[in-house]
Amino acid sequence: MDYFPLFARLTGAPCLVAGGGQVGLRKVRRLLSAGAAVEVVADEFIPDFEALATDPRLTLRRARFDASLIREHLLIFAATGDPAVNAEIAAAAAAANRFCNVVDDAELSSAIIPAVVDRTPLLVAVSTGGESPVMATRVRQQIESLLPHSTSRLARFAGEWRTAVKQTFADADKRRHFWQDMLTGPLAHKVLEGDMEGAREIMERGLAATPPARGVAWIVGAGPGDPELLTLKALRLLGAADVVLHDRLIAPEILAYARRDAEFIPVGKQAGRESIGQQEINDLLVRLVESGKRVCRLKGGDPFIFGRGGEEVAALRAAGLSWQIVPGITAASGCAAAAGVPLTHRELARSVVFATAYTSDDSEPQWETLGSDGQTVVFYMGLGRLDAICTKLLAAGRRSDLPALLIANGTTGQQRCIRGTLTTLAVRVNEAELSGPGLVIIGDVAGLAVDHLSGELANELAEDNWLPAAAGNNP
């Protein structure tokens, strides 16, 4: 984080703007809107300053900038249009330990002024650290469209009831849960629509009701890796959780959607390595929910497809606790789509089978039923057992030229795809020395991977030993 985001109370605070032009005028108007006492120093002022001169909080000083002015002010703006003078102002501010914003010069600035969505008392500030003001403006405009102006009314309503809620709920978790429910339910709709009487009735009933003694578990699918593949519901619940129990492979970018003060507990398992057992995870989940926590059990892919979500639900149900399942995009569909492979395709694949390369009891799949003509087989966690998968399918009578594809770190920036057949894929993958989670797709559709990439991209992948070039489309 290049800058520490900070909201400052400037009511009555002395601030200095150096520059009497249009840019300086914009800074002055923003400072006055925040209640600051503003002094502007410049050799001359554009006429628009005259319209503001009647404001008692504004002082216009016709003079060249002098470093002695710095010590009288809390926040400095250099907007003279002269780089040399702006640099002089920045140096004087730094010597006096004052924050200074130099217009269009992030290098000299110790403070950056963000693009702001104003729904007072709710403020949303957006900054790119001075790298791209246009991008900051674009993001601000997008946020503006999501927040109706009546959001201001909702924020003020919450402020009016803050003391009453705090007196009713001494426990911080219960107080937060109450607000989460109120601000995302019927009360919020009443306030946004202007029905303040209806909103007050809902609030009074909520404060009079007995709060639930226990929490809830949300078993949430985080998808195959790309944060943008999270569902909207997963995003909302992750942001509301007190505790996040997450798998090993959950990307940090996804965990960043949780509350900053949430408790994060990694409970990931990895084949071949010592890790927390499923029963321990079940017990921990039950204990947390029983203590009143709202727990997001964040699992890669989909919780009910090789995610053992069913076992966790069974433990919660046996304990009489509340739970909810939020499905996610499973690795088979997510990674196949990222590689341009349709799992079903007319004339090539009429069915799809999901299988796992690892089982808790080391049992084997029924190999003779897998990989027949017209069927796509997707093996989860297949990288470590790729050689065995190919060997077993060949022994079961599958044809030697059956297309096969390995996708490692699918949907992420580290995605790599290697294509071959049942007889060549394992060798190619070993030569590539891949690491990370791997998904194996067996079937004629695997041969379509290059066809679903642009020619230019396919050639780039071929240069990196990922896939054959578009021109050479033979496995």
Protein backbone atom coordinates (compact mmCIF):
# COMPACT_ATOMS: atom_id res chain seq x y z
CA MET A 1 0.00 0.00 0.00
CA ASP A 2 1.74 3.16 -1.24
CA TYR A 3 -0.54 5.55 0.67
CA PHE A 4 -2.38 5.30 3.97
CA PRO A 5 -6.04 6.21 3.35
CA LEU A 6 -7.22 8.80 5.86
CA PHE A 7 -10.31 10.94 6.37
CA ALA A 8 -9.40 14.20 8.10
CA ARG A 9 -11.74 16.58 9.94
CA LEU A 10 -10.87 20.01 8.52
CA THR A 11 -13.65 22.06 10.12
CA GLY A 12 -11.96 25.35 11.03
CA ALA A 13 -8.52 23.96 10.18
CA PRO A 14 -6.13 26.38 8.43
CA CYS A 15 -5.22 25.20 4.92
CA LEU A 16 -3.09 26.89 2.27
CA VAL A 17 -3.59 26.88 -1.48
CA ALA A 18 -0.82 28.35 -3.63
CA GLY A 19 -2.24 29.28 -7.01
CA GLY A 20 -4.96 31.63 -8.19
CA GLY A 21 -5.98 29.80 -11.34
CA GLN A 22 -8.70 27.30 -12.21
CA VAL A 23 -6.95 24.36 -10.55
CA GLY A 24 -6.44 26.31 -7.34
CA LEU A 25 -10.09 27.32 -7.43
CA ARG A 26 -11.21 23.67 -7.53
CA LYS A 27 -9.06 22.89 -4.50
CA VAL A 28 -10.46 25.88 -2.61
CA ARG A 29 -14.04 24.87 -3.28
CA ARG A 30 -13.42 21.33 -2.00
CA LEU A 31 -11.72 22.62 1.15
CA LEU A 32 -14.54 25.07 1.86
CA SER A 33 -17.09 22.28 1.41
CA ALA A 34 -15.24 20.42 4.18
CA GLY A 35 -15.40 23.45 6.47
CA ALA A 36 -11.72 24.43 6.29
CA ALA A 37 -10.37 27.94 6.80
CA VAL A 38 -8.55 28.55 3.51
CA GLU A 39 -5.82 31.03 2.65
CA VAL A 40 -4.91 31.40 -1.03
CA VAL A 41 -1.62 32.97 -2.05
CA ALA A 42 -1.02 34.05 -5.67
CA ASP A 43 0.30 36.91 -7.72
CA GLU A 44 -3.12 37.23 -9.35
CA PHE A 45 -6.53 35.56 -9.21
CA ILE A 46 -9.01 34.61 -11.89
CA PRO A 47 -12.36 36.47 -11.61
CA ASP A 48 -14.17 33.43 -10.19
CA PHE A 49 -12.30 33.92 -6.92
CA GLU A 50 -14.17 37.18 -6.43
CA ALA A 51 -17.44 35.25 -6.07
CA LEU A 52 -15.95 33.35 -3.15
CA ALA A 53 -14.30 36.35 -1.48
CA THR A 54 -17.37 37.06 0.67
CA ASP A 55 -16.93 33.74 2.52
CA PRO A 56 -15.41 34.64 5.91
CA ARG A 57 -13.43 31.39 5.89
CA LEU A 58 -11.50 32.48 2.78
CA THR A 59 -8.49 34.80 2.70
CA LEU A 60 -6.89 35.93 -0.56
CA ARG A 61 -3.24 37.06 -0.34
CA ARG A 62 -1.80 38.75 -3.41
CA ALA A 63 1.86 37.85 -3.06
CA ARG A 64 4.48 35.39 -4.14
CA PHE A 65 4.67 32.21 -2.09
CA ASP A 66 6.83 32.52 1.01
CA ALA A 67 7.98 29.50 3.02
CA SER A 68 7.02 31.26 6.26
CA LEU A 69 3.35 30.66 5.36
CA ILE A 70 3.75 26.91 5.79
CA ARG A 71 3.97 26.80 9.56
CA GLU A 72 0.56 28.42 9.95
CA HIS A 73 -1.27 25.73 8.00
CA LEU A 74 -2.17 22.08 8.42
CA LEU A 75 -2.54 21.08 4.77
CA ILE A 76 -0.82 22.61 1.75
CA PHE A 77 -1.78 22.60 -1.93
CA ALA A 78 0.71 23.58 -4.62
CA ALA A 79 -1.29 24.56 -7.70
CA THR A 80 0.72 27.41 -9.21
CA GLY A 81 1.26 25.88 -12.63
CA ASP A 82 5.00 26.56 -12.27
CA PRO A 83 6.94 23.30 -11.56
CA ALA A 84 9.82 25.17 -9.92
CA VAL A 85 7.54 27.04 -7.51
CA ASN A 86 5.54 23.87 -6.79
CA ALA A 87 8.79 22.06 -5.94
CA GLU A 88 9.76 24.92 -3.61
CA ILE A 89 6.38 24.64 -1.85
CA ALA A 90 6.71 20.84 -1.49
CA ALA A 91 10.20 21.21 0.01
CA ALA A 92 9.03 23.82 2.51
CA ALA A 93 6.08 21.63 3.53
CA ALA A 94 8.34 18.61 4.01
CA ALA A 95 10.74 20.65 6.18
CA ALA A 96 7.80 21.72 8.37
CA ASN A 97 6.29 18.19 8.51
CA ARG A 98 3.11 19.31 6.76
CA PHE A 99 1.12 17.27 4.28
CA CYS A 100 1.36 18.69 0.79
CA ASN A 101 -0.48 17.91 -2.44
CA VAL A 102 1.33 19.01 -5.57
CA VAL A 103 -1.08 19.06 -8.49
CA ASP A 104 -0.13 16.56 -11.21
CA ASP A 105 3.08 15.53 -9.42
CA ALA A 106 2.68 12.40 -7.33
CA GLU A 107 6.44 12.21 -6.76
CA LEU A 108 6.51 15.51 -4.86
CA SER A 109 3.19 14.96 -3.09
CA SER A 110 3.02 13.64 0.46
CA ALA A 111 -0.78 13.59 0.20
CA ILE A 112 -3.01 12.50 -2.68
CA ILE A 113 -6.54 13.87 -3.06
CA PRO A 114 -8.89 11.05 -4.08
CA ALA A 115 -11.96 11.01 -6.27
CA VAL A 116 -14.92 11.07 -3.87
CA VAL A 117 -18.43 9.67 -3.86
CA ASP A 118 -20.27 11.95 -1.44
CA ARG A 119 -23.25 10.43 0.34
CA THR A 120 -22.55 12.29 3.58
CA PRO A 121 -22.06 10.93 6.16
CA LEU A 122 -21.01 8.07 3.90
CA LEU A 123 -17.94 8.94 1.85
CA VAL A 124 -16.20 6.66 -0.62
CA ALA A 125 -12.73 7.76 -1.71
CA VAL A 126 -10.91 6.32 -4.74
CA SER A 127 -7.24 6.87 -5.49
CA THR A 128 -4.63 5.44 -7.83
CA GLY A 129 -1.81 7.11 -5.94
CA GLY A 130 -1.56 9.73 -8.64
CA GLU A 131 -0.81 7.14 -11.34
CA SER A 132 -4.08 7.51 -13.25
CA PRO A 133 -6.57 10.18 -12.11
CA VAL A 134 -8.80 9.30 -15.06
CA MET A 135 -9.07 5.72 -13.81
CA ALA A 136 -9.93 6.94 -10.32
CA THR A 137 -12.67 9.09 -11.82
CA ARG A 138 -13.98 6.15 -13.83
CA VAL A 139 -14.16 3.95 -10.73
CA ARG A 140 -15.87 6.76 -8.82
CA GLN A 141 -18.49 6.99 -11.54
CA GLN A 142 -19.11 3.25 -11.33
CA ILE A 143 -19.57 3.45 -7.57
CA GLU A 144 -21.86 6.47 -7.99
CA SER A 145 -24.20 4.32 -10.06
CA LEU A 146 -24.35 1.69 -7.30
CA LEU A 147 -25.13 4.06 -4.43
CA PRO A 148 -28.41 5.97 -4.71
CA HIS A 149 -28.43 9.41 -3.11
CA SER A 150 -30.84 8.04 -0.50
CA THR A 151 -27.89 6.02 0.86
CA SER A 152 -27.08 9.19 2.77
CA ARG A 153 -30.43 8.89 4.54
CA LEU A 154 -29.69 5.29 5.51
CA ALA A 155 -26.30 6.21 6.97
CA ARG A 156 -27.84 9.00 9.04
CA PHE A 157 -30.62 6.68 10.23
CA ALA A 158 -28.03 4.17 11.43
CA GLY A 159 -26.21 6.95 13.26
CA GLU A 160 -29.40 7.99 15.05
CA TRP A 161 -29.89 4.47 16.40
CA ARG A 162 -26.27 3.69 17.16
CA THR A 163 -26.47 4.42 20.90
CA ALA A 164 -29.68 2.42 21.36
CA VAL A 165 -28.21 -0.58 19.56
CA LYS A 166 -25.02 -0.38 21.61
CA GLN A 167 -27.01 -0.31 24.84
CA THR A 168 -29.07 -3.32 23.74
CA PHE A 169 -26.15 -5.45 22.52
CA ALA A 170 -23.12 -5.21 24.78
CA ASP A 171 -21.40 -8.01 22.83
CA ALA A 172 -19.60 -6.60 19.75
CA ASP A 173 -20.31 -9.66 17.57
CA LYS A 174 -24.04 -9.58 18.33
CA ARG A 175 -24.12 -5.86 17.70
CA ARG A 176 -22.40 -6.30 14.33
CA HIS A 177 -24.73 -9.17 13.39
CA PHE A 178 -27.74 -7.01 14.22
CA TRP A 179 -26.54 -4.19 11.96
CA GLN A 180 -25.65 -6.60 9.17
CA ASP A 181 -29.18 -7.99 9.21
CA MET A 182 -30.82 -4.58 9.44
CA LEU A 183 -28.80 -2.86 6.74
CA THR A 184 -29.33 -5.64 4.20
CA GLY A 185 -32.99 -6.39 4.95
CA PRO A 186 -36.42 -4.74 4.91
CA LEU A 187 -35.32 -1.85 7.13
CA ALA A 188 -32.82 -0.65 4.53
CA HIS A 189 -35.47 -0.78 1.82
CA LYS A 190 -37.87 1.27 3.96
CA VAL A 191 -35.28 3.99 4.57
CA LEU A 192 -34.12 4.12 0.95
CA GLU A 193 -37.75 4.49 -0.16
CA GLY A 194 -38.34 7.27 2.36
CA ASP A 195 -40.69 5.29 4.65
CA MET A 196 -39.05 6.40 7.89
CA GLU A 197 -42.03 5.43 10.09
CA GLY A 198 -41.93 1.87 8.74
CA ALA A 199 -38.17 1.76 9.27
CA ARG A 200 -38.51 2.87 12.91
CA GLU A 201 -41.08 0.15 13.55
CA ILE A 202 -38.73 -2.52 12.18
CA MET A 203 -35.87 -1.18 14.27
CA GLU A 204 -37.92 -1.14 17.46
CA ARG A 205 -39.11 -4.71 16.88
CA GLY A 206 -35.56 -5.82 16.21
CA LEU A 207 -34.25 -4.29 19.43
CA ALA A 208 -37.08 -5.85 21.44
CA ALA A 209 -36.59 -9.35 19.99
CA THR A 210 -34.37 -11.94 21.68
CA PRO A 211 -31.22 -12.39 19.57
CA PRO A 212 -30.32 -15.93 18.48
CA ALA A 213 -27.92 -17.67 20.85
CA ARG A 214 -25.96 -19.39 18.10
CA GLY A 215 -24.25 -18.40 14.92
CA VAL A 216 -24.38 -19.82 11.43
CA ALA A 217 -22.04 -21.60 9.03
CA TRP A 218 -21.88 -20.62 5.39
CA ILE A 219 -20.27 -23.38 3.32
CA VAL A 220 -19.06 -21.33 0.37
CA GLY A 221 -17.52 -22.35 -2.92
CA ALA A 222 -14.67 -20.01 -3.87
CA GLY A 223 -14.41 -21.22 -7.46
CA PRO A 224 -11.31 -22.48 -9.27
CA GLY A 225 -8.97 -19.59 -8.44
CA ASP A 226 -9.88 -16.46 -10.39
CA PRO A 227 -11.37 -13.98 -7.86
CA GLU A 228 -13.77 -12.67 -10.51
CA LEU A 229 -15.45 -16.09 -10.66
CA LEU A 230 -16.84 -15.71 -7.12
CA THR A 231 -20.63 -15.54 -6.98
CA LEU A 232 -22.25 -12.38 -5.66
CA LYS A 233 -23.63 -14.31 -2.70
CA ALA A 234 -20.22 -15.73 -1.86
CA LEU A 235 -18.79 -12.22 -1.93
CA ARG A 236 -21.51 -10.87 0.36
CA LEU A 237 -21.24 -13.64 2.97
CA LEU A 238 -17.46 -13.59 2.96
CA GLY A 239 -17.64 -9.89 3.80
CA ALA A 240 -20.05 -10.56 6.68
CA ALA A 241 -18.20 -13.43 8.38
CA ASP A 242 -16.62 -13.22 11.83
CA VAL A 243 -14.36 -16.18 11.07
CA VAL A 244 -13.08 -17.51 7.73
CA LEU A 245 -12.01 -21.15 7.61
CA HIS A 246 -10.26 -21.46 4.28
CA ASP A 247 -8.62 -24.11 2.14
CA ARG A 248 -4.91 -24.01 1.35
CA LEU A 249 -5.35 -22.96 -2.26
CA ILE A 250 -7.67 -19.98 -1.71
CA ALA A 251 -6.04 -16.98 -3.38
CA PRO A 252 -5.07 -14.03 -1.15
CA GLU A 253 -7.07 -11.78 -3.48
CA ILE A 254 -10.21 -13.72 -2.53
CA LEU A 255 -9.47 -13.60 1.21
CA ALA A 256 -9.05 -9.83 0.86
CA TYR A 257 -12.82 -9.56 0.34
CA ALA A 258 -13.36 -10.52 3.99
CA ARG A 259 -13.57 -8.00 6.82
CA ARG A 260 -10.18 -6.74 7.93
CA ASP A 261 -10.95 -7.70 11.53
CA ALA A 262 -12.22 -11.19 10.69
CA GLU A 263 -10.34 -14.17 12.08
CA PHE A 264 -8.64 -16.26 9.38
CA ILE A 265 -8.00 -19.94 10.06
CA PRO A 266 -6.26 -22.02 7.35
CA VAL A 267 -7.55 -25.59 7.38
CA GLY A 268 -6.28 -26.77 4.00
CA LYS A 269 -5.30 -30.34 3.27
CA GLN A 270 -2.66 -31.46 0.80
CA ALA A 271 -2.18 -34.94 -0.56
CA GLY A 272 0.92 -36.65 0.81
CA ARG A 273 1.53 -34.11 3.58
CA GLU A 274 0.56 -33.93 7.22
CA SER A 275 -2.34 -31.54 7.70
CA ILE A 276 -5.48 -30.97 9.76
CA GLY A 277 -7.93 -33.87 9.55
CA GLN A 278 -11.52 -33.56 8.36
CA GLN A 279 -12.91 -34.51 11.78
CA GLU A 280 -10.87 -31.69 13.35
CA ILE A 281 -12.31 -29.27 10.81
CA ASN A 282 -15.83 -30.49 11.56
CA ASP A 283 -15.31 -30.09 15.31
CA LEU A 284 -13.82 -26.61 14.91
CA LEU A 285 -16.69 -25.51 12.69
CA VAL A 286 -19.24 -26.73 15.23
CA ARG A 287 -17.48 -25.04 18.16
CA LEU A 288 -17.28 -21.70 16.37
CA VAL A 289 -20.94 -21.70 15.34
CA GLU A 290 -22.06 -22.81 18.81
CA SER A 291 -20.16 -19.82 20.26
CA GLY A 292 -22.32 -17.49 18.16
CA LYS A 293 -19.89 -16.80 15.31
CA ARG A 294 -20.87 -16.32 11.69
CA VAL A 295 -18.43 -18.62 9.95
CA CYS A 296 -17.55 -18.68 6.27
CA ARG A 297 -16.13 -22.11 5.42
CA LEU A 298 -14.42 -21.14 2.19
CA LYS A 299 -13.65 -24.07 -0.08
CA GLY A 300 -11.99 -24.17 -3.48
CA GLY A 301 -14.30 -24.92 -6.39
CA ASP A 302 -17.70 -26.18 -5.30
CA PRO A 303 -18.25 -27.51 -1.74
CA PHE A 304 -20.21 -30.53 -2.95
CA ILE A 305 -17.85 -31.68 -5.69
CA PHE A 306 -14.83 -33.35 -4.07
CA GLY A 307 -14.99 -30.63 -1.43
CA ARG A 308 -16.27 -32.75 1.50
CA GLY A 309 -18.88 -30.12 2.13
CA GLY A 310 -21.43 -32.87 2.75
CA GLU A 311 -19.44 -34.12 5.75
CA GLU A 312 -19.31 -30.65 7.26
CA VAL A 313 -23.04 -30.14 6.76
CA ALA A 314 -23.69 -33.51 8.42
CA ALA A 315 -21.68 -32.41 11.48
CA LEU A 316 -23.55 -29.12 11.70
CA ARG A 317 -26.91 -30.82 11.26
CA ALA A 318 -26.09 -33.36 13.99
CA ALA A 319 -25.29 -30.50 16.35
CA GLY A 320 -28.57 -28.76 15.52
CA LEU A 321 -26.82 -25.72 14.07
CA SER A 322 -27.74 -23.38 11.23
CA TRP A 323 -25.94 -23.71 7.90
CA GLN A 324 -26.25 -22.65 4.29
CA ILE A 325 -24.58 -23.89 1.11
CA VAL A 326 -23.33 -21.44 -1.51
CA PRO A 327 -22.26 -23.33 -4.63
CA GLY A 328 -19.18 -22.29 -6.57
CA ILE A 329 -17.82 -22.85 -10.06
CA THR A 330 -16.15 -26.23 -9.87
CA ALA A 331 -12.64 -26.69 -11.23
CA ALA A 332 -13.80 -28.89 -14.09
CA SER A 333 -15.98 -26.24 -15.70
CA GLY A 334 -13.84 -23.25 -14.71
CA CYS A 335 -10.49 -24.63 -15.83
CA ALA A 336 -11.89 -26.23 -18.98
CA ALA A 337 -13.46 -22.93 -19.98
CA ALA A 338 -10.20 -21.07 -19.30
CA ALA A 339 -8.40 -23.53 -21.60
CA GLY A 340 -11.08 -23.29 -24.30
CA VAL A 341 -12.25 -26.87 -23.85
CA PRO A 342 -15.98 -27.70 -24.02
CA LEU A 343 -16.72 -30.60 -21.67
CA THR A 344 -19.56 -31.66 -23.96
CA HIS A 345 -19.60 -31.20 -27.71
CA ARG A 346 -21.93 -32.51 -30.34
CA GLU A 347 -20.48 -35.62 -32.05
CA LEU A 348 -17.54 -35.73 -29.61
CA ALA A 349 -18.85 -35.93 -26.04
CA ARG A 350 -22.34 -36.83 -24.90
CA SER A 351 -21.51 -37.24 -21.20
CA VAL A 352 -19.07 -36.02 -18.56
CA VAL A 353 -17.65 -37.89 -15.58
CA PHE A 354 -15.90 -36.20 -12.66
CA ALA A 355 -13.38 -38.43 -10.90
CA THR A 356 -10.71 -37.93 -8.27
CA ALA A 357 -7.15 -39.14 -8.54
CA TYR A 358 -6.89 -39.47 -4.74
CA THR A 359 -9.22 -41.21 -2.28
CA SER A 360 -9.01 -41.52 1.50
CA ASP A 361 -8.99 -45.33 1.33
CA ASP A 362 -6.73 -45.63 -1.75
CA SER A 363 -9.53 -47.27 -3.70
CA GLU A 364 -9.37 -47.30 -7.48
CA PRO A 365 -11.97 -46.01 -9.94
CA GLN A 366 -13.69 -48.49 -12.20
CA TRP A 367 -11.30 -47.84 -15.05
CA GLU A 368 -13.20 -49.94 -17.57
CA THR A 369 -16.15 -47.50 -17.34
CA LEU A 370 -14.06 -44.38 -17.97
CA GLY A 371 -12.94 -42.76 -21.20
CA SER A 372 -15.13 -44.62 -23.65
CA ASP A 373 -16.05 -42.99 -26.95
CA GLY A 374 -18.37 -40.04 -26.48
CA GLN A 375 -17.37 -39.46 -22.86
CA THR A 376 -15.23 -36.77 -21.24
CA VAL A 377 -13.46 -37.68 -18.00
CA VAL A 378 -12.14 -34.98 -15.68
CA PHE A 379 -9.71 -36.07 -12.96
CA TYR A 380 -9.37 -33.70 -10.02
CA MET A 381 -5.96 -33.53 -8.28
CA GLY A 382 -4.51 -35.36 -11.25
CA LEU A 383 -1.00 -33.95 -11.55
CA GLY A 384 0.64 -36.29 -9.03
CA ARG A 385 -1.02 -39.41 -10.46
CA LEU A 386 -1.01 -38.54 -14.14
CA ASP A 387 1.19 -41.45 -15.17
CA ALA A 388 -1.03 -43.92 -13.29
CA ILE A 389 -4.20 -42.42 -14.80
CA CYS A 390 -2.94 -42.80 -18.35
CA THR A 391 -1.53 -46.29 -17.72
CA LYS A 392 -4.75 -47.57 -16.12
CA LEU A 393 -6.95 -46.20 -18.91
CA LEU A 394 -4.74 -47.79 -21.55
CA ALA A 395 -4.91 -51.09 -19.68
CA ALA A 396 -8.71 -50.79 -19.62
CA GLY A 397 -8.76 -50.71 -23.41
CA ARG A 398 -8.89 -47.01 -24.16
CA ARG A 399 -7.30 -46.08 -27.47
CA SER A 400 -3.71 -44.86 -27.36
CA ASP A 401 -4.38 -41.67 -29.39
CA LEU A 402 -7.20 -40.51 -27.11
CA PRO A 403 -6.58 -36.76 -26.52
CA ALA A 404 -5.56 -35.74 -23.00
CA LEU A 405 -4.94 -32.33 -21.42
CA LEU A 406 -3.29 -31.21 -18.17
CA ILE A 407 -4.32 -27.79 -16.79
CA ALA A 408 -2.19 -26.54 -13.89
CA ASN A 409 -3.22 -23.52 -11.78
CA GLY A 410 -6.29 -23.10 -13.93
CA THR A 411 -8.04 -19.71 -14.29
CA THR A 412 -5.14 -17.90 -12.59
CA GLY A 413 -2.29 -15.85 -13.99
CA GLN A 414 -0.07 -18.92 -13.60
CA GLN A 415 -2.26 -21.20 -15.70
CA ARG A 416 -0.38 -23.67 -17.86
CA CYS A 417 -1.89 -26.22 -20.24
CA ILE A 418 -0.08 -29.17 -21.78
CA ARG A 419 -1.77 -31.28 -24.41
CA GLY A 420 -1.06 -34.81 -25.59
CA THR A 421 -2.60 -38.26 -25.69
CA LEU A 422 -2.84 -41.13 -23.23
CA THR A 423 0.59 -42.26 -24.41
CA THR A 424 2.35 -38.88 -24.54
CA LEU A 425 0.85 -36.55 -21.94
CA ALA A 426 2.67 -37.87 -18.86
CA VAL A 427 6.05 -37.54 -20.58
CA ARG A 428 5.33 -33.99 -21.72
CA VAL A 429 4.16 -32.95 -18.26
CA ASN A 430 7.22 -34.46 -16.58
CA GLU A 431 9.48 -32.56 -18.97
CA ALA A 432 7.65 -29.32 -18.17
CA GLU A 433 8.25 -29.76 -14.39
CA LEU A 434 4.88 -28.31 -13.41
CA SER A 435 3.77 -27.62 -9.86
CA GLY A 436 0.50 -26.60 -8.22
CA PRO A 437 -2.99 -28.06 -8.50
CA GLY A 438 -3.58 -29.94 -11.72
CA LEU A 439 -6.74 -30.97 -13.56
CA VAL A 440 -6.65 -33.71 -16.20
CA ILE A 441 -9.18 -33.86 -19.03
CA ILE A 442 -9.41 -37.10 -21.03
CA GLY A 443 -11.52 -37.35 -24.18
CA ASP A 444 -11.83 -36.12 -27.73
CA VAL A 445 -12.84 -32.63 -26.55
CA ALA A 446 -9.33 -32.18 -25.11
CA GLY A 447 -8.12 -31.97 -28.68
CA LEU A 448 -10.13 -28.78 -29.20
CA ALA A 449 -8.10 -26.66 -26.78
CA VAL A 450 -6.05 -24.81 -29.39
CA ASP A 451 -9.06 -24.29 -31.64
CA HIS A 452 -10.66 -22.15 -28.92
CA LEU A 453 -7.71 -19.78 -28.63
CA SER A 454 -6.86 -17.01 -31.07
CA GLY A 455 -4.05 -17.87 -33.44
CA GLU A 456 -1.78 -15.21 -31.92
CA LEU A 457 -2.37 -16.40 -28.36
CA ALA A 458 -1.96 -20.04 -29.33
CA ASN A 459 1.42 -19.30 -30.87
CA GLU A 460 2.50 -17.45 -27.72
CA LEU A 461 1.53 -20.45 -25.63
CA ALA A 462 3.45 -22.75 -27.95
CA GLU A 463 6.59 -20.64 -27.53
CA ASP A 464 6.34 -21.16 -23.77
CA ASN A 465 5.91 -24.93 -24.20
CA TRP A 466 2.29 -24.79 -23.12
CA LEU A 467 0.41 -25.94 -26.21
CA PRO A 468 1.20 -26.80 -29.84
CA ALA A 469 1.12 -23.82 -32.20
CA ALA A 470 -2.14 -23.11 -33.94
CA ALA A 471 -0.70 -24.26 -37.25
CA GLY A 472 0.36 -27.62 -35.84
CA ASN A 473 -2.87 -28.87 -34.37
CA ASN A 474 -1.92 -32.53 -34.02
CA PRO A 475 -1.57 -34.01 -30.52
